[in-house]
């Protein structure tokens, strides 16, 4: 597999997040990053544009029942710059907000 994109980690934010994860989660993160590096049209399961933003994307990593989010953007069309990551701990319940209106 030839690499199509280069991934650059901005400062230390992503590295600190990555090092806090257990080995299995780190392996899954590495797999998703490999997909982003090597697949021309990355599936939305792994990389989605965040609506309402200008160029901000979210990398999604699922392991077990946990979902990890990593914010990133493209630079010059071929670089993914990763800023930070976090574990999503709750599901948003938009329905409750809609019922109150």
PDB file of N, CA and C in Angstrom:
ATOM      1  N   UNK A   1       0.838  -1.191   0.000  1.00  0.00           N
ATOM      2  CA  UNK A   1       0.000   0.000   0.000  1.00  0.00           C
ATOM      3  C   UNK A   1       0.875   1.244   0.000  1.00  0.00           C
ATOM      4  N   UNK A   2       0.648   2.103  -0.940  1.00  0.00           N
ATOM      5  CA  UNK A   2       1.409   3.336  -0.965  1.00  0.00           C
ATOM      6  C   UNK A   2       0.678   4.410  -0.176  1.00  0.00           C
ATOM      7  N   UNK A   3       1.430   5.219   0.503  1.00  0.00           N
ATOM      8  CA  UNK A   3       0.845   6.269   1.328  1.00  0.00           C
ATOM      9  C   UNK A   3       0.388   7.425   0.443  1.00  0.00           C
ATOM     10  N   UNK A   4      -0.836   7.867   0.626  1.00  0.00           N
ATOM     11  CA  UNK A   4      -1.368   8.981  -0.139  1.00  0.00           C
ATOM     12  C   UNK A   4      -1.388  10.269   0.672  1.00  0.00           C
ATOM     13  N   UNK A   5      -1.445  10.163   1.961  1.00  0.00           N
ATOM     14  CA  UNK A   5      -1.484  11.344   2.833  1.00  0.00           C
ATOM     15  C   UNK A   5      -0.419  11.229   3.920  1.00  0.00           C
ATOM     16  N   UNK A   6       0.063  12.359   4.309  1.00  0.00           N
ATOM     17  CA  UNK A   6       0.990  12.432   5.434  1.00  0.00           C
ATOM     18  C   UNK A   6       0.207  12.970   6.621  1.00  0.00           C
ATOM     19  N   UNK A   7       0.423  12.398   7.799  1.00  0.00           N
ATOM     20  CA  UNK A   7      -0.267  12.862   9.002  1.00  0.00           C
ATOM     21  C   UNK A   7       0.742  13.565   9.895  1.00  0.00           C
ATOM     22  N   UNK A   8       0.413  14.784  10.257  1.00  0.00           N
ATOM     23  CA  UNK A   8       1.272  15.594  11.123  1.00  0.00           C
ATOM     24  C   UNK A   8       0.529  15.821  12.434  1.00  0.00           C
ATOM     25  N   UNK A   9       1.208  15.627  13.530  1.00  0.00           N
ATOM     26  CA  UNK A   9       0.617  15.841  14.849  1.00  0.00           C
ATOM     27  C   UNK A   9       0.997  17.218  15.355  1.00  0.00           C
ATOM     28  N   UNK A  10       0.004  18.039  15.615  1.00  0.00           N
ATOM     29  CA  UNK A  10       0.211  19.415  16.057  1.00  0.00           C
ATOM     30  C   UNK A  10       0.609  19.436  17.526  1.00  0.00           C
ATOM     31  N   UNK A  11       1.772  19.976  17.810  1.00  0.00           N
ATOM     32  CA  UNK A  11       2.333  20.078  19.164  1.00  0.00           C
ATOM     33  C   UNK A  11       2.256  18.725  19.858  1.00  0.00           C
ATOM     34  N   UNK A  12       1.800  18.671  21.092  1.00  0.00           N
ATOM     35  CA  UNK A  12       1.817  17.447  21.898  1.00  0.00           C
ATOM     36  C   UNK A  12       0.418  16.946  22.251  1.00  0.00           C
ATOM     37  N   UNK A  13      -0.611  17.645  21.831  1.00  0.00           N
ATOM     38  CA  UNK A  13      -1.969  17.350  22.282  1.00  0.00           C
ATOM     39  C   UNK A  13      -2.421  15.933  21.931  1.00  0.00           C
ATOM     40  N   UNK A  14      -2.277  15.532  20.676  1.00  0.00           N
ATOM     41  CA  UNK A  14      -2.712  14.202  20.285  1.00  0.00           C
ATOM     42  C   UNK A  14      -1.850  13.129  20.938  1.00  0.00           C
ATOM     43  N   UNK A  15      -0.547  13.351  20.981  1.00  0.00           N
ATOM     44  CA  UNK A  15       0.367  12.365  21.550  1.00  0.00           C
ATOM     45  C   UNK A  15       0.019  12.075  23.004  1.00  0.00           C
ATOM     46  N   UNK A  16      -0.301  13.100  23.777  1.00  0.00           N
ATOM     47  CA  UNK A  16      -0.687  12.896  25.177  1.00  0.00           C
ATOM     48  C   UNK A  16      -1.976  12.077  25.266  1.00  0.00           C
ATOM     49  N   UNK A  17      -2.955  12.403  24.436  1.00  0.00           N
ATOM     50  CA  UNK A  17      -4.204  11.643  24.407  1.00  0.00           C
ATOM     51  C   UNK A  17      -3.925  10.176  24.050  1.00  0.00           C
ATOM     52  N   UNK A  18      -3.131   9.955  23.024  1.00  0.00           N
ATOM     53  CA  UNK A  18      -2.809   8.608  22.555  1.00  0.00           C
ATOM     54  C   UNK A  18      -2.122   7.791  23.651  1.00  0.00           C
ATOM     55  N   UNK A  19      -1.160   8.364  24.329  1.00  0.00           N
ATOM     56  CA  UNK A  19      -0.395   7.650  25.360  1.00  0.00           C
ATOM     57  C   UNK A  19      -1.248   7.283  26.573  1.00  0.00           C
ATOM     58  N   UNK A  20      -2.358   7.987  26.799  1.00  0.00           N
ATOM     59  CA  UNK A  20      -3.258   7.686  27.922  1.00  0.00           C
ATOM     60  C   UNK A  20      -4.135   6.458  27.652  1.00  0.00           C
ATOM     61  N   UNK A  21      -4.198   6.015  26.390  1.00  0.00           N
ATOM     62  CA  UNK A  21      -5.081   4.908  26.028  1.00  0.00           C
ATOM     63  C   UNK A  21      -4.381   3.568  26.233  1.00  0.00           C
ATOM     64  N   UNK A  22      -5.190   2.496  26.423  1.00  0.00           N
ATOM     65  CA  UNK A  22      -4.590   1.178  26.563  1.00  0.00           C
ATOM     66  C   UNK A  22      -4.118   0.664  25.202  1.00  0.00           C
ATOM     67  N   UNK A  23      -3.393  -0.416  25.199  1.00  0.00           N
ATOM     68  CA  UNK A  23      -2.765  -0.931  23.986  1.00  0.00           C
ATOM     69  C   UNK A  23      -3.784  -1.255  22.887  1.00  0.00           C
ATOM     70  N   UNK A  24      -4.919  -1.819  23.225  1.00  0.00           N
ATOM     71  CA  UNK A  24      -5.937  -2.178  22.232  1.00  0.00           C
ATOM     72  C   UNK A  24      -6.526  -0.933  21.562  1.00  0.00           C
ATOM     73  N   UNK A  25      -6.774   0.103  22.353  1.00  0.00           N
ATOM     74  CA  UNK A  25      -7.298   1.355  21.791  1.00  0.00           C
ATOM     75  C   UNK A  25      -6.232   1.994  20.902  1.00  0.00           C
ATOM     76  N   UNK A  26      -4.983   1.974  21.329  1.00  0.00           N
ATOM     77  CA  UNK A  26      -3.898   2.512  20.511  1.00  0.00           C
ATOM     78  C   UNK A  26      -3.818   1.783  19.170  1.00  0.00           C
ATOM     79  N   UNK A  27      -3.981   0.453  19.181  1.00  0.00           N
ATOM     80  CA  UNK A  27      -3.956  -0.315  17.942  1.00  0.00           C
ATOM     81  C   UNK A  27      -5.094   0.097  17.018  1.00  0.00           C
ATOM     82  N   UNK A  28      -6.264   0.318  17.576  1.00  0.00           N
ATOM     83  CA  UNK A  28      -7.420   0.725  16.765  1.00  0.00           C
ATOM     84  C   UNK A  28      -7.199   2.126  16.190  1.00  0.00           C
ATOM     85  N   UNK A  29      -6.639   3.044  17.001  1.00  0.00           N
ATOM     86  CA  UNK A  29      -6.323   4.389  16.513  1.00  0.00           C
ATOM     87  C   UNK A  29      -5.336   4.292  15.351  1.00  0.00           C
ATOM     88  N   UNK A  30      -4.309   3.466  15.496  1.00  0.00           N
ATOM     89  CA  UNK A  30      -3.316   3.302  14.436  1.00  0.00           C
ATOM     90  C   UNK A  30      -3.956   2.747  13.169  1.00  0.00           C
ATOM     91  N   UNK A  31      -4.910   1.814  13.309  1.00  0.00           N
ATOM     92  CA  UNK A  31      -5.604   1.264  12.153  1.00  0.00           C
ATOM     93  C   UNK A  31      -6.383   2.358  11.414  1.00  0.00           C
ATOM     94  N   UNK A  32      -7.135   3.165  12.154  1.00  0.00           N
ATOM     95  CA  UNK A  32      -7.928   4.230  11.535  1.00  0.00           C
ATOM     96  C   UNK A  32      -7.010   5.245  10.859  1.00  0.00           C
ATOM     97  N   UNK A  33      -5.902   5.596  11.477  1.00  0.00           N
ATOM     98  CA  UNK A  33      -4.961   6.532  10.863  1.00  0.00           C
ATOM     99  C   UNK A  33      -4.354   5.947   9.589  1.00  0.00           C
ATOM    100  N   UNK A  34      -4.110   4.614   9.578  1.00  0.00           N
ATOM    101  CA  UNK A  34      -3.609   3.950   8.381  1.00  0.00           C
ATOM    102  C   UNK A  34      -4.640   4.038   7.254  1.00  0.00           C
ATOM    103  N   UNK A  35      -5.918   3.865   7.590  1.00  0.00           N
ATOM    104  CA  UNK A  35      -6.982   3.992   6.592  1.00  0.00           C
ATOM    105  C   UNK A  35      -6.970   5.402   6.005  1.00  0.00           C
ATOM    106  N   UNK A  36      -6.873   6.398   6.868  1.00  0.00           N
ATOM    107  CA  UNK A  36      -6.870   7.792   6.405  1.00  0.00           C
ATOM    108  C   UNK A  36      -5.644   8.072   5.531  1.00  0.00           C
ATOM    109  N   UNK A  37      -4.499   7.491   5.898  1.00  0.00           N
ATOM    110  CA  UNK A  37      -3.274   7.695   5.116  1.00  0.00           C
ATOM    111  C   UNK A  37      -3.351   7.054   3.734  1.00  0.00           C
ATOM    112  N   UNK A  38      -4.008   5.913   3.618  1.00  0.00           N
ATOM    113  CA  UNK A  38      -3.864   5.116   2.406  1.00  0.00           C
ATOM    114  C   UNK A  38      -5.097   5.028   1.512  1.00  0.00           C
ATOM    115  N   UNK A  39      -6.269   5.341   1.989  1.00  0.00           N
ATOM    116  CA  UNK A  39      -7.492   5.227   1.191  1.00  0.00           C
ATOM    117  C   UNK A  39      -7.848   6.599   0.615  1.00  0.00           C
ATOM    118  N   UNK A  40      -8.055   6.665  -0.678  1.00  0.00           N
ATOM    119  CA  UNK A  40      -8.384   7.936  -1.319  1.00  0.00           C
ATOM    120  C   UNK A  40      -9.700   8.510  -0.794  1.00  0.00           C
ATOM    121  N   UNK A  41     -10.774   7.722  -0.823  1.00  0.00           N
ATOM    122  CA  UNK A  41     -12.082   8.160  -0.333  1.00  0.00           C
ATOM    123  C   UNK A  41     -12.356   7.474   0.998  1.00  0.00           C
ATOM    124  N   UNK A  42     -11.977   8.121   2.079  1.00  0.00           N
ATOM    125  CA  UNK A  42     -12.103   7.545   3.413  1.00  0.00           C
ATOM    126  C   UNK A  42     -13.585   7.425   3.783  1.00  0.00           C
ATOM    127  N   UNK A  43     -14.029   6.245   4.244  1.00  0.00           N
ATOM    128  CA  UNK A  43     -15.426   6.086   4.651  1.00  0.00           C
ATOM    129  C   UNK A  43     -15.807   7.044   5.778  1.00  0.00           C
ATOM    130  N   UNK A  44     -17.061   7.519   5.743  1.00  0.00           N
ATOM    131  CA  UNK A  44     -17.545   8.441   6.778  1.00  0.00           C
ATOM    132  C   UNK A  44     -17.506   7.817   8.161  1.00  0.00           C
ATOM    133  N   UNK A  45     -17.464   6.508   8.228  1.00  0.00           N
ATOM    134  CA  UNK A  45     -17.345   5.810   9.513  1.00  0.00           C
ATOM    135  C   UNK A  45     -16.079   6.248  10.251  1.00  0.00           C
ATOM    136  N   UNK A  46     -15.043   6.599   9.486  1.00  0.00           N
ATOM    137  CA  UNK A  46     -13.757   6.970  10.073  1.00  0.00           C
ATOM    138  C   UNK A  46     -13.474   8.462  10.062  1.00  0.00           C
ATOM    139  N   UNK A  47     -13.987   9.186   9.072  1.00  0.00           N
ATOM    140  CA  UNK A  47     -13.654  10.599   8.929  1.00  0.00           C
ATOM    141  C   UNK A  47     -14.857  11.353   8.385  1.00  0.00           C
ATOM    142  N   UNK A  48     -15.330  12.349   9.150  1.00  0.00           N
ATOM    143  CA  UNK A  48     -16.478  13.140   8.708  1.00  0.00           C
ATOM    144  C   UNK A  48     -16.212  14.625   8.919  1.00  0.00           C
ATOM    145  N   UNK A  49     -16.767  15.418   8.008  1.00  0.00           N
ATOM    146  CA  UNK A  49     -16.693  16.874   8.132  1.00  0.00           C
ATOM    147  C   UNK A  49     -17.669  17.296   9.214  1.00  0.00           C
ATOM    148  N   UNK A  50     -17.243  18.172  10.086  1.00  0.00           N
ATOM    149  CA  UNK A  50     -18.121  18.663  11.154  1.00  0.00           C
ATOM    150  C   UNK A  50     -18.952  19.812  10.598  1.00  0.00           C
ATOM    151  N   UNK A  51     -20.258  19.598  10.534  1.00  0.00           N
ATOM    152  CA  UNK A  51     -21.136  20.621   9.957  1.00  0.00           C
ATOM    153  C   UNK A  51     -21.050  21.910  10.761  1.00  0.00           C
ATOM    154  N   UNK A  52     -21.205  22.998  10.060  1.00  0.00           N
ATOM    155  CA  UNK A  52     -21.138  24.310  10.698  1.00  0.00           C
ATOM    156  C   UNK A  52     -19.722  24.810  10.907  1.00  0.00           C
ATOM    157  N   UNK A  53     -18.738  24.065  10.386  1.00  0.00           N
ATOM    158  CA  UNK A  53     -17.346  24.500  10.533  1.00  0.00           C
ATOM    159  C   UNK A  53     -16.721  24.665   9.159  1.00  0.00           C
ATOM    160  N   UNK A  54     -15.663  25.417   9.110  1.00  0.00           N
ATOM    161  CA  UNK A  54     -14.948  25.640   7.860  1.00  0.00           C
ATOM    162  C   UNK A  54     -13.671  24.801   7.865  1.00  0.00           C
ATOM    163  N   UNK A  55     -13.768  23.561   7.416  1.00  0.00           N
ATOM    164  CA  UNK A  55     -12.585  22.730   7.273  1.00  0.00           C
ATOM    165  C   UNK A  55     -12.225  21.854   8.455  1.00  0.00           C
ATOM    166  N   UNK A  56     -13.062  21.785   9.477  1.00  0.00           N
ATOM    167  CA  UNK A  56     -12.759  20.943  10.622  1.00  0.00           C
ATOM    168  C   UNK A  56     -13.397  19.568  10.424  1.00  0.00           C
ATOM    169  N   UNK A  57     -12.617  18.533  10.662  1.00  0.00           N
ATOM    170  CA  UNK A  57     -13.071  17.155  10.518  1.00  0.00           C
ATOM    171  C   UNK A  57     -12.930  16.420  11.840  1.00  0.00           C
ATOM    172  N   UNK A  58     -13.629  15.297  11.915  1.00  0.00           N
ATOM    173  CA  UNK A  58     -13.594  14.461  13.099  1.00  0.00           C
ATOM    174  C   UNK A  58     -13.233  13.042  12.669  1.00  0.00           C
ATOM    175  N   UNK A  59     -12.173  12.517  13.247  1.00  0.00           N
ATOM    176  CA  UNK A  59     -11.803  11.125  13.046  1.00  0.00           C
ATOM    177  C   UNK A  59     -12.475  10.328  14.157  1.00  0.00           C
ATOM    178  N   UNK A  60     -13.168   9.258  13.769  1.00  0.00           N
ATOM    179  CA  UNK A  60     -13.897   8.441  14.746  1.00  0.00           C
ATOM    180  C   UNK A  60     -13.213   7.090  14.893  1.00  0.00           C
ATOM    181  N   UNK A  61     -12.980   6.714  16.135  1.00  0.00           N
ATOM    182  CA  UNK A  61     -12.382   5.419  16.443  1.00  0.00           C
ATOM    183  C   UNK A  61     -13.322   4.717  17.415  1.00  0.00           C
ATOM    184  N   UNK A  62     -13.815   3.555  17.018  1.00  0.00           N
ATOM    185  CA  UNK A  62     -14.698   2.787  17.893  1.00  0.00           C
ATOM    186  C   UNK A  62     -13.962   1.551  18.368  1.00  0.00           C
ATOM    187  N   UNK A  63     -13.989   1.345  19.681  1.00  0.00           N
ATOM    188  CA  UNK A  63     -13.408   0.134  20.256  1.00  0.00           C
ATOM    189  C   UNK A  63     -14.336  -0.332  21.362  1.00  0.00           C
ATOM    190  N   UNK A  64     -14.865  -1.531  21.218  1.00  0.00           N
ATOM    191  CA  UNK A  64     -15.844  -2.022  22.176  1.00  0.00           C
ATOM    192  C   UNK A  64     -17.053  -1.113  22.144  1.00  0.00           C
ATOM    193  N   UNK A  65     -17.500  -0.685  23.301  1.00  0.00           N
ATOM    194  CA  UNK A  65     -18.647   0.228  23.357  1.00  0.00           C
ATOM    195  C   UNK A  65     -18.207   1.689  23.461  1.00  0.00           C
ATOM    196  N   UNK A  66     -16.923   1.938  23.305  1.00  0.00           N
ATOM    197  CA  UNK A  66     -16.385   3.289  23.422  1.00  0.00           C
ATOM    198  C   UNK A  66     -16.155   3.915  22.048  1.00  0.00           C
ATOM    199  N   UNK A  67     -16.372   5.221  21.978  1.00  0.00           N
ATOM    200  CA  UNK A  67     -16.109   5.985  20.771  1.00  0.00           C
ATOM    201  C   UNK A  67     -15.104   7.075  21.123  1.00  0.00           C
ATOM    202  N   UNK A  68     -14.052   7.169  20.326  1.00  0.00           N
ATOM    203  CA  UNK A  68     -13.022   8.176  20.524  1.00  0.00           C
ATOM    204  C   UNK A  68     -13.076   9.131  19.342  1.00  0.00           C
ATOM    205  N   UNK A  69     -12.941  10.415  19.621  1.00  0.00           N
ATOM    206  CA  UNK A  69     -13.004  11.443  18.587  1.00  0.00           C
ATOM    207  C   UNK A  69     -11.675  12.185  18.546  1.00  0.00           C
ATOM    208  N   UNK A  70     -11.199  12.410  17.339  1.00  0.00           N
ATOM    209  CA  UNK A  70      -9.942  13.129  17.141  1.00  0.00           C
ATOM    210  C   UNK A  70     -10.207  14.232  16.121  1.00  0.00           C
ATOM    211  N   UNK A  71      -9.958  15.461  16.491  1.00  0.00           N
ATOM    212  CA  UNK A  71     -10.193  16.588  15.593  1.00  0.00           C
ATOM    213  C   UNK A  71      -9.004  16.782  14.662  1.00  0.00           C
ATOM    214  N   UNK A  72      -9.310  17.114  13.416  1.00  0.00           N
ATOM    215  CA  UNK A  72      -8.251  17.268  12.431  1.00  0.00           C
ATOM    216  C   UNK A  72      -8.708  18.201  11.307  1.00  0.00           C
ATOM    217  N   UNK A  73      -7.787  18.551  10.431  1.00  0.00           N
ATOM    218  CA  UNK A  73      -8.113  19.352   9.252  1.00  0.00           C
ATOM    219  C   UNK A  73      -7.134  18.984   8.151  1.00  0.00           C
ATOM    220  N   UNK A  74      -7.475  19.352   6.930  1.00  0.00           N
ATOM    221  CA  UNK A  74      -6.587  19.111   5.801  1.00  0.00           C
ATOM    222  C   UNK A  74      -5.768  20.367   5.538  1.00  0.00           C
ATOM    223  N   UNK A  75      -4.523  20.163   5.168  1.00  0.00           N
ATOM    224  CA  UNK A  75      -3.638  21.263   4.810  1.00  0.00           C
ATOM    225  C   UNK A  75      -3.077  20.970   3.429  1.00  0.00           C
ATOM    226  N   UNK A  76      -3.321  21.829   2.477  1.00  0.00           N
ATOM    227  CA  UNK A  76      -2.875  21.677   1.102  1.00  0.00           C
ATOM    228  C   UNK A  76      -3.420  20.413   0.461  1.00  0.00           C
ATOM    229  N   UNK A  77      -4.574  19.950   0.913  1.00  0.00           N
ATOM    230  CA  UNK A  77      -5.247  18.832   0.289  1.00  0.00           C
ATOM    231  C   UNK A  77      -4.718  17.451   0.588  1.00  0.00           C
ATOM    232  N   UNK A  78      -3.567  17.321   1.198  1.00  0.00           N
ATOM    233  CA  UNK A  78      -3.043  15.984   1.434  1.00  0.00           C
ATOM    234  C   UNK A  78      -2.485  15.759   2.832  1.00  0.00           C
ATOM    235  N   UNK A  79      -2.563  16.722   3.696  1.00  0.00           N
ATOM    236  CA  UNK A  79      -2.060  16.555   5.057  1.00  0.00           C
ATOM    237  C   UNK A  79      -3.224  16.570   6.043  1.00  0.00           C
ATOM    238  N   UNK A  80      -3.234  15.631   6.944  1.00  0.00           N
ATOM    239  CA  UNK A  80      -4.218  15.636   8.008  1.00  0.00           C
ATOM    240  C   UNK A  80      -3.494  16.081   9.270  1.00  0.00           C
ATOM    241  N   UNK A  81      -3.932  17.162   9.864  1.00  0.00           N
ATOM    242  CA  UNK A  81      -3.285  17.689  11.061  1.00  0.00           C
ATOM    243  C   UNK A  81      -4.178  17.364  12.247  1.00  0.00           C
ATOM    244  N   UNK A  82      -3.690  16.577  13.186  1.00  0.00           N
ATOM    245  CA  UNK A  82      -4.489  16.159  14.332  1.00  0.00           C
ATOM    246  C   UNK A  82      -4.213  17.074  15.511  1.00  0.00           C
ATOM    247  N   UNK A  83      -5.296  17.585  16.082  1.00  0.00           N
ATOM    248  CA  UNK A  83      -5.153  18.521  17.185  1.00  0.00           C
ATOM    249  C   UNK A  83      -5.288  17.853  18.544  1.00  0.00           C
ATOM    250  N   UNK A  84      -6.352  17.089  18.730  1.00  0.00           N
ATOM    251  CA  UNK A  84      -6.669  16.585  20.050  1.00  0.00           C
ATOM    252  C   UNK A  84      -7.563  15.368  19.913  1.00  0.00           C
ATOM    253  N   UNK A  85      -7.813  14.697  21.012  1.00  0.00           N
ATOM    254  CA  UNK A  85      -8.727  13.567  21.017  1.00  0.00           C
ATOM    255  C   UNK A  85      -9.436  13.480  22.345  1.00  0.00           C
ATOM    256  N   UNK A  86     -10.577  12.800  22.357  1.00  0.00           N
ATOM    257  CA  UNK A  86     -11.295  12.566  23.599  1.00  0.00           C
ATOM    258  C   UNK A  86     -12.191  11.351  23.443  1.00  0.00           C
ATOM    259  N   UNK A  87     -12.579  10.772  24.568  1.00  0.00           N
ATOM    260  CA  UNK A  87     -13.518   9.659  24.560  1.00  0.00           C
ATOM    261  C   UNK A  87     -14.906  10.220  24.748  1.00  0.00           C
ATOM    262  N   UNK A  88     -15.792   9.884  23.842  1.00  0.00           N
ATOM    263  CA  UNK A  88     -17.170  10.338  23.958  1.00  0.00           C
ATOM    264  C   UNK A  88     -17.828   9.464  25.018  1.00  0.00           C
ATOM    265  N   UNK A  89     -18.361  10.097  26.062  1.00  0.00           N
ATOM    266  CA  UNK A  89     -18.900   9.336  27.185  1.00  0.00           C
ATOM    267  C   UNK A  89     -20.409   9.316  27.245  1.00  0.00           C
ATOM    268  N   UNK A  90     -21.071  10.218  26.542  1.00  0.00           N
ATOM    269  CA  UNK A  90     -22.535  10.248  26.594  1.00  0.00           C
ATOM    270  C   UNK A  90     -23.102  10.356  25.193  1.00  0.00           C
ATOM    271  N   UNK A  91     -24.339   9.939  25.055  1.00  0.00           N
ATOM    272  CA  UNK A  91     -25.064  10.108  23.806  1.00  0.00           C
ATOM    273  C   UNK A  91     -25.917  11.356  23.948  1.00  0.00           C
ATOM    274  N   UNK A  92     -25.907  12.225  22.957  1.00  0.00           N
ATOM    275  CA  UNK A  92     -26.761  13.408  22.999  1.00  0.00           C
ATOM    276  C   UNK A  92     -28.197  12.964  22.768  1.00  0.00           C
ATOM    277  N   UNK A  93     -29.087  13.499  23.554  1.00  0.00           N
ATOM    278  CA  UNK A  93     -30.496  13.160  23.391  1.00  0.00           C
ATOM    279  C   UNK A  93     -31.220  14.377  22.859  1.00  0.00           C
ATOM    280  N   UNK A  94     -31.139  14.554  21.576  1.00  0.00           N
ATOM    281  CA  UNK A  94     -31.759  15.676  20.910  1.00  0.00           C
ATOM    282  C   UNK A  94     -33.275  15.636  21.062  1.00  0.00           C
ATOM    283  N   UNK A  95     -33.857  14.437  21.141  1.00  0.00           N
ATOM    284  CA  UNK A  95     -35.308  14.299  21.248  1.00  0.00           C
ATOM    285  C   UNK A  95     -35.858  15.047  22.460  1.00  0.00           C
ATOM    286  N   UNK A  96     -35.187  14.974  23.585  1.00  0.00           N
ATOM    287  CA  UNK A  96     -35.658  15.666  24.784  1.00  0.00           C
ATOM    288  C   UNK A  96     -35.695  17.170  24.576  1.00  0.00           C
ATOM    289  N   UNK A  97     -34.711  17.708  23.880  1.00  0.00           N
ATOM    290  CA  UNK A  97     -34.676  19.141  23.617  1.00  0.00           C
ATOM    291  C   UNK A  97     -35.812  19.532  22.672  1.00  0.00           C
ATOM    292  N   UNK A  98     -36.115  18.695  21.713  1.00  0.00           N
ATOM    293  CA  UNK A  98     -37.171  18.988  20.764  1.00  0.00           C
ATOM    294  C   UNK A  98     -38.553  18.950  21.427  1.00  0.00           C
ATOM    295  N   UNK A  99     -38.756  18.037  22.360  1.00  0.00           N
ATOM    296  CA  UNK A  99     -40.044  17.911  23.045  1.00  0.00           C
ATOM    297  C   UNK A  99     -40.308  19.127  23.913  1.00  0.00           C
ATOM    298  N   UNK A 100     -39.287  19.702  24.538  1.00  0.00           N
ATOM    299  CA  UNK A 100     -39.460  20.857  25.421  1.00  0.00           C
ATOM    300  C   UNK A 100     -39.886  22.095  24.656  1.00  0.00           C
ATOM    301  N   UNK A 101     -39.601  22.174  23.373  1.00  0.00           N
ATOM    302  CA  UNK A 101     -39.926  23.380  22.583  1.00  0.00           C
ATOM    303  C   UNK A 101     -41.347  23.427  22.323  1.00  0.00           C
TER     304      UNK A 101
END
